[in-house]
Amino acid sequence: MDSIDLSVVWSVSAILLGFQAVALACRAWRVARELDMVSKGDLTWLTAADAVIAVSMLILVFGVFVLPIVVSVELDTVVHLFGLSLTRLGGYPFVLAGHYDLYHRVERSNGRPRFTFQEGVVLAVWEVIILGYLLWWWL
């Protein structure tokens, strides 16, 4: 890690954080729909795909930006937290596709389930990938 310093990690992380914010902003139509559902008294929820981005953003903000400022941590730890955030973000399009049942056609009832089977499978597979990343980091 001699060729990288904290300012490089922060620069790349800031760009990634901007992309994530745009990805969530592009889903503003869903937020508007959820707000409409609240006014009707219906249940609302955050999709697993949106939660994937939110957790990735939290890892960047607190693990990459705040942690090195507040506590003395090794650069290697910050780089691995960046990698964890990036790995988590990589699952977003696949989990989103699973949420909309895009992997194969299925018959739907009038209501949408909060968490589709395909979304659960993709999310589980991606969590195993993330676990593999963490094990690689710790070993």
Protein backbone atom coordinates (compact mmCIF):
# COMPACT_ATOMS: atom_id res chain seq x y z
CA MET A 1 0.00 0.00 0.00
CA ASP A 2 2.95 2.34 -0.45
CA SER A 3 1.50 3.95 -3.58
CA ILE A 4 -1.80 5.04 -2.03
CA ASP A 5 -2.54 7.53 0.70
CA LEU A 6 -5.64 8.65 2.57
CA SER A 7 -6.32 11.59 0.26
CA VAL A 8 -6.63 9.21 -2.72
CA VAL A 9 -9.03 6.96 -0.83
CA TRP A 10 -11.09 10.00 0.21
CA SER A 11 -11.22 11.35 -3.35
CA VAL A 12 -12.41 8.06 -4.82
CA SER A 13 -14.83 7.57 -1.92
CA ALA A 14 -16.34 11.01 -2.44
CA ILE A 15 -16.99 10.21 -6.10
CA LEU A 16 -18.52 6.85 -5.16
CA LEU A 17 -20.69 8.52 -2.52
CA GLY A 18 -21.92 10.95 -5.17
CA PHE A 19 -22.85 8.07 -7.49
CA GLN A 20 -24.74 6.40 -4.68
CA ALA A 21 -26.64 9.58 -3.87
CA VAL A 22 -27.62 9.91 -7.53
CA ALA A 23 -28.75 6.27 -7.60
CA LEU A 24 -31.04 6.91 -4.64
CA ALA A 25 -32.26 10.21 -6.09
CA CYS A 26 -33.18 8.47 -9.34
CA ARG A 27 -35.49 6.31 -7.30
CA ALA A 28 -37.36 9.37 -6.03
CA TRP A 29 -40.47 8.15 -7.84
CA ARG A 30 -40.54 5.21 -5.45
CA VAL A 31 -40.28 7.51 -2.45
CA ALA A 32 -43.16 9.58 -3.85
CA ARG A 33 -45.19 6.39 -4.22
CA GLU A 34 -44.41 5.38 -0.65
CA LEU A 35 -45.49 8.80 0.62
CA ASP A 36 -48.74 8.42 -1.30
CA MET A 37 -49.24 5.02 0.33
CA VAL A 38 -48.75 6.57 3.78
CA SER A 39 -51.54 9.04 3.11
CA LYS A 40 -53.79 6.08 2.23
CA GLY A 41 -52.86 4.24 5.41
CA ASP A 42 -50.98 1.47 3.58
CA LEU A 43 -47.76 -0.13 4.77
CA THR A 44 -44.52 1.30 3.43
CA TRP A 45 -41.02 -0.14 3.33
CA LEU A 46 -37.55 0.34 1.96
CA THR A 47 -36.56 -2.23 -0.67
CA ALA A 48 -33.58 -4.44 0.05
CA ALA A 49 -31.79 -2.82 -2.92
CA ASP A 50 -32.22 0.63 -1.39
CA ALA A 51 -30.97 -0.72 1.94
CA VAL A 52 -27.90 -2.13 0.16
CA ILE A 53 -27.01 1.36 -1.08
CA ALA A 54 -27.79 2.95 2.29
CA VAL A 55 -25.50 0.54 4.15
CA SER A 56 -22.78 1.05 1.55
CA MET A 57 -23.07 4.80 2.03
CA LEU A 58 -22.90 4.43 5.83
CA ILE A 59 -19.74 2.35 5.52
CA LEU A 60 -18.17 5.07 3.36
CA VAL A 61 -19.21 7.97 5.56
CA PHE A 62 -18.31 6.46 8.92
CA GLY A 63 -15.62 3.93 7.98
CA VAL A 64 -13.71 5.91 5.38
CA PHE A 65 -14.29 9.56 6.33
CA VAL A 66 -15.18 9.80 10.03
CA LEU A 67 -13.17 6.91 11.50
CA PRO A 68 -9.72 8.13 10.34
CA ILE A 69 -10.50 11.63 11.64
CA VAL A 70 -11.74 10.53 15.06
CA VAL A 71 -9.45 7.55 15.73
CA SER A 72 -5.99 6.67 14.55
CA VAL A 73 -6.53 3.73 12.19
CA GLU A 74 -4.27 2.10 9.69
CA LEU A 75 -4.67 3.04 6.04
CA ASP A 76 -5.11 -0.65 5.28
CA THR A 77 -8.30 -0.70 7.40
CA VAL A 78 -9.71 2.32 5.58
CA VAL A 79 -8.93 0.77 2.19
CA HIS A 80 -10.65 -2.47 3.21
CA LEU A 81 -13.71 -0.58 4.44
CA PHE A 82 -13.81 1.17 1.06
CA GLY A 83 -13.62 -2.24 -0.60
CA LEU A 84 -16.44 -3.52 1.62
CA SER A 85 -18.60 -0.57 0.62
CA LEU A 86 -17.80 -1.12 -3.05
CA THR A 87 -18.52 -4.85 -2.80
CA ARG A 88 -21.86 -4.16 -1.12
CA LEU A 89 -22.74 -1.58 -3.79
CA GLY A 90 -21.92 -4.11 -6.51
CA GLY A 91 -24.92 -6.16 -5.44
CA TYR A 92 -27.39 -3.28 -5.89
CA PRO A 93 -28.44 -3.87 -9.52
CA PHE A 94 -28.80 -7.60 -8.97
CA VAL A 95 -30.90 -7.22 -5.81
CA LEU A 96 -33.03 -4.58 -7.55
CA ALA A 97 -33.61 -6.93 -10.49
CA GLY A 98 -34.64 -9.62 -8.02
CA HIS A 99 -37.07 -7.21 -6.36
CA TYR A 100 -38.87 -6.75 -9.67
CA ASP A 101 -38.73 -10.51 -10.49
CA LEU A 102 -36.67 -9.90 -13.63
CA TYR A 103 -34.77 -13.19 -13.52
CA HIS A 104 -37.81 -15.10 -14.75
CA ARG A 105 -41.45 -14.34 -15.29
CA VAL A 106 -43.77 -15.16 -12.41
CA GLU A 107 -47.47 -14.66 -11.99
CA ARG A 108 -48.31 -11.88 -9.60
CA SER A 109 -51.27 -11.28 -7.42
CA ASN A 110 -52.76 -7.79 -7.17
CA GLY A 111 -50.45 -6.88 -4.30
CA ARG A 112 -46.66 -6.83 -4.42
CA PRO A 113 -44.82 -8.76 -1.77
CA ARG A 114 -42.53 -6.74 0.43
CA PHE A 115 -39.63 -9.07 -0.32
CA THR A 116 -39.69 -11.30 -3.40
CA PHE A 117 -38.16 -14.76 -3.53
CA GLN A 118 -35.71 -13.71 -6.27
CA GLU A 119 -34.67 -10.68 -4.27
CA GLY A 120 -34.01 -12.90 -1.25
CA VAL A 121 -31.91 -15.36 -3.25
CA VAL A 122 -29.79 -12.63 -4.84
CA LEU A 123 -29.37 -10.84 -1.53
CA ALA A 124 -28.31 -14.08 0.18
CA VAL A 125 -25.79 -14.85 -2.55
CA TRP A 126 -24.38 -11.32 -2.35
CA GLU A 127 -24.10 -11.52 1.43
CA VAL A 128 -22.05 -14.71 1.00
CA ILE A 129 -19.78 -12.81 -1.41
CA ILE A 130 -19.42 -10.03 1.17
CA LEU A 131 -18.67 -12.59 3.87
CA GLY A 132 -15.98 -14.03 1.59
CA TYR A 133 -14.50 -10.55 1.20
CA LEU A 134 -14.45 -10.06 4.96
CA LEU A 135 -12.86 -13.46 5.54
CA TRP A 136 -10.21 -12.68 2.91
CA TRP A 137 -9.53 -9.36 4.66
CA TRP A 138 -9.21 -10.90 8.13
CA LEU A 139 -7.14 -13.91 7.10
